[in-house]
Structures are given as C-alpha cells and as structure tokens.
C-alpha cells in the first residue's frame, strides 16, 4: 500500500496525463489501460478531480488573481485541482497537510515559483472552503 504522499504523486501524474491526452478516467480510458493499478487513494483523487473538474476550475478561477487558468503550467493546474479537491471534498484531511503536500509536489515537478504560487492559492481557498475548521491543520 502506498503512502498518501506517493498516492498524491501518482494522482498528479495521472491527472497530468488526462489533461494532455484529453481522455476519460475509465471506460477504456486512462486507468483501465495501466499496466499496474494505482493505489486506492490515487484513484479516489483522480476520480474526484475528474468528477468535480468544473467546480474545481471555478474555484481556481475565483482565487487566481491575474492568472488565467489556461495560462498556468499544466503541472500547477493538476496540483491545484488535487489540493482543491482535498480541501473541498476530503474534510478529514488536515488543511496544513493538504497545502504542504501540494506545495512539495509543485516544487518537485514544476517551476521554481510554483511552490509559492500553490501555497498562496490553496491558502486563500482553504480560508473559504474550510471557514469552520478552526484547527488550521
């Protein structure tokens, strides 16, 4: 069983691939054609991002000041969608963990400024989506 960090990393690669290919998640799409099935949490993330993509993109557009979603690097968009999905649809996950993991993925796989950008975006999004979560974790 993969760790959540590894599952997020795998979900990032799958979400990126979905975006590049323009394919579907299932129905002879991306997940059905994989030689090794991803961890259950990676599948949850990929399905969640795919099912809620319009909602996620609307949230990202709302908080991306001076940045059109379409102009963001593909990796940043995928990381932000995953993080936004976790903040909005996985309430048991601590806010700080979601943001920290997303920042690390952005730093590792995207541009030198992506970590800071992802941190700022998800921080603002978390304030709105998790307004009732006083723990900040």
Protein backbone atom coordinates (compact mmCIF):
# COMPACT_ATOMS: atom_id res chain seq x y z
CA UNK A 1 0.00 0.00 0.00
CA UNK A 2 1.35 3.41 -0.98
CA UNK A 3 1.61 6.32 1.42
CA UNK A 4 -0.71 9.28 0.89
CA UNK A 5 2.28 11.22 -0.43
CA UNK A 6 3.01 8.52 -3.02
CA UNK A 7 -0.69 8.34 -3.90
CA UNK A 8 -0.79 12.10 -4.46
CA UNK A 9 2.30 11.88 -6.63
CA UNK A 10 0.74 9.11 -8.72
CA UNK A 11 -2.54 11.05 -8.92
CA UNK A 12 -0.60 14.09 -10.14
CA UNK A 13 0.97 12.10 -12.96
CA UNK A 14 -2.41 10.62 -13.90
CA UNK A 15 -4.23 13.97 -13.80
CA UNK A 16 -1.45 15.48 -15.90
CA UNK A 17 -1.77 12.65 -18.40
CA UNK A 18 -5.55 13.03 -18.55
CA UNK A 19 -5.13 16.72 -19.34
CA UNK A 20 -2.52 16.11 -22.05
CA UNK A 21 -4.41 13.25 -23.69
CA UNK A 22 -7.88 14.70 -23.20
CA UNK A 23 -9.05 11.20 -22.31
CA UNK A 24 -11.53 9.83 -19.81
CA UNK A 25 -10.66 8.23 -16.48
CA UNK A 26 -12.47 4.95 -17.09
CA UNK A 27 -14.47 3.26 -19.84
CA UNK A 28 -11.33 2.06 -21.62
CA UNK A 29 -9.71 5.33 -20.63
CA UNK A 30 -6.58 6.06 -18.64
CA UNK A 31 -7.00 3.86 -15.55
CA UNK A 32 -8.15 0.80 -17.48
CA UNK A 33 -5.04 0.86 -19.65
CA UNK A 34 -2.43 0.99 -16.88
CA UNK A 35 -0.02 -1.95 -16.51
CA UNK A 36 -0.04 -1.55 -12.69
CA UNK A 37 -3.15 -0.27 -10.94
CA UNK A 38 -2.65 2.82 -8.79
CA UNK A 39 -3.24 2.90 -5.04
CA UNK A 40 -6.86 3.31 -3.95
CA UNK A 41 -6.29 6.86 -2.71
CA UNK A 42 -4.69 7.88 -6.03
CA UNK A 43 -7.80 6.52 -7.78
CA UNK A 44 -10.01 8.47 -5.36
CA UNK A 45 -8.13 11.66 -6.19
CA UNK A 46 -8.20 11.13 -9.95
CA UNK A 47 -11.92 10.31 -9.93
CA UNK A 48 -12.66 13.22 -7.59
CA UNK A 49 -10.79 15.70 -9.77
CA UNK A 50 -12.47 14.36 -12.92
CA UNK A 51 -15.97 14.35 -11.42
CA UNK A 52 -15.67 17.84 -9.92
CA UNK A 53 -13.45 19.45 -12.52
CA UNK A 54 -15.87 22.22 -13.46
CA UNK A 55 -16.40 23.12 -9.79
CA UNK A 56 -12.67 22.94 -9.08
CA UNK A 57 -11.83 25.13 -12.06
CA UNK A 58 -14.47 27.68 -10.99
CA UNK A 59 -12.88 27.84 -7.53
CA UNK A 60 -9.39 28.18 -9.02
CA UNK A 61 -10.53 30.94 -11.37
CA UNK A 62 -12.09 32.80 -8.43
CA UNK A 63 -8.80 32.83 -6.49
CA UNK A 64 -6.22 33.15 -9.25
CA UNK A 65 -5.53 36.85 -9.30
CA UNK A 66 -4.15 37.98 -12.66
CA UNK A 67 -3.70 34.37 -13.83
CA UNK A 68 -5.98 32.72 -16.36
CA UNK A 69 -6.36 29.04 -15.51
CA UNK A 70 -5.43 28.14 -19.08
CA UNK A 71 -2.12 30.03 -18.79
CA UNK A 72 -0.98 28.17 -15.67
CA UNK A 73 1.58 25.44 -16.19
CA UNK A 74 -0.17 22.06 -16.58
CA UNK A 75 1.53 20.66 -13.50
CA UNK A 76 0.42 23.63 -11.39
CA UNK A 77 -3.16 23.19 -12.58
CA UNK A 78 -3.10 19.49 -11.75
CA UNK A 79 -1.59 20.11 -8.30
CA UNK A 80 -4.11 22.86 -7.58
CA UNK A 81 -7.03 20.71 -8.68
CA UNK A 82 -5.90 17.86 -6.43
CA UNK A 83 -5.33 20.19 -3.46
CA UNK A 84 -8.60 21.99 -4.03
CA UNK A 85 -10.44 18.66 -4.27
CA UNK A 86 -8.90 17.51 -0.99
CA UNK A 87 -9.82 20.79 0.73
CA UNK A 88 -13.39 20.71 -0.51
CA UNK A 89 -14.28 17.03 -0.64
CA UNK A 90 -11.96 15.28 1.84
CA UNK A 91 -12.77 17.14 5.09
CA UNK A 92 -10.99 14.62 7.33
CA UNK A 93 -7.62 15.67 5.90
CA UNK A 94 -5.86 18.39 7.87
CA UNK A 95 -5.67 21.66 5.94
CA UNK A 96 -1.96 22.10 6.63
CA UNK A 97 -1.15 18.63 5.31
CA UNK A 98 -3.11 19.20 2.09
CA UNK A 99 -1.37 22.51 1.42
CA UNK A 100 2.09 21.26 2.41
CA UNK A 101 1.84 18.18 0.20
CA UNK A 102 0.64 20.26 -2.76
CA UNK A 103 3.49 22.74 -2.30
CA UNK A 104 6.05 19.92 -2.22
CA UNK A 105 4.64 18.41 -5.43
CA UNK A 106 4.73 21.80 -7.13
CA UNK A 107 8.32 22.42 -6.03
CA UNK A 108 9.41 18.99 -7.21
CA UNK A 109 7.62 18.85 -10.57
CA UNK A 110 7.01 22.40 -11.75
CA UNK A 111 8.72 25.80 -11.95
CA UNK A 112 10.86 27.44 -9.27
CA UNK A 113 8.00 29.78 -8.30
CA UNK A 114 5.27 27.13 -8.33
CA UNK A 115 5.56 26.18 -4.66
CA UNK A 116 4.92 29.74 -3.53
CA UNK A 117 2.09 30.16 -6.06
CA UNK A 118 0.37 26.91 -4.99
CA UNK A 119 0.80 27.81 -1.31
CA UNK A 120 -0.85 31.20 -1.79
CA UNK A 121 -3.71 29.86 -3.88
CA UNK A 122 -4.56 26.94 -1.62
CA UNK A 123 -4.19 29.08 1.49
CA UNK A 124 -6.85 31.50 0.21
CA UNK A 125 -9.06 28.65 -0.99
CA UNK A 126 -8.78 26.89 2.39
CA UNK A 127 -9.88 30.04 4.22
CA UNK A 128 -13.09 29.95 2.19
CA UNK A 129 -13.77 26.22 1.87
CA UNK A 130 -12.81 25.39 5.43
CA UNK A 131 -14.01 28.51 7.20
CA UNK A 132 -15.46 26.36 10.01
CA UNK A 133 -12.19 24.46 10.50
CA UNK A 134 -10.58 26.40 13.32
CA UNK A 135 -7.75 23.89 13.70
CA UNK A 136 -5.83 25.12 10.64
CA UNK A 137 -4.23 21.70 10.40
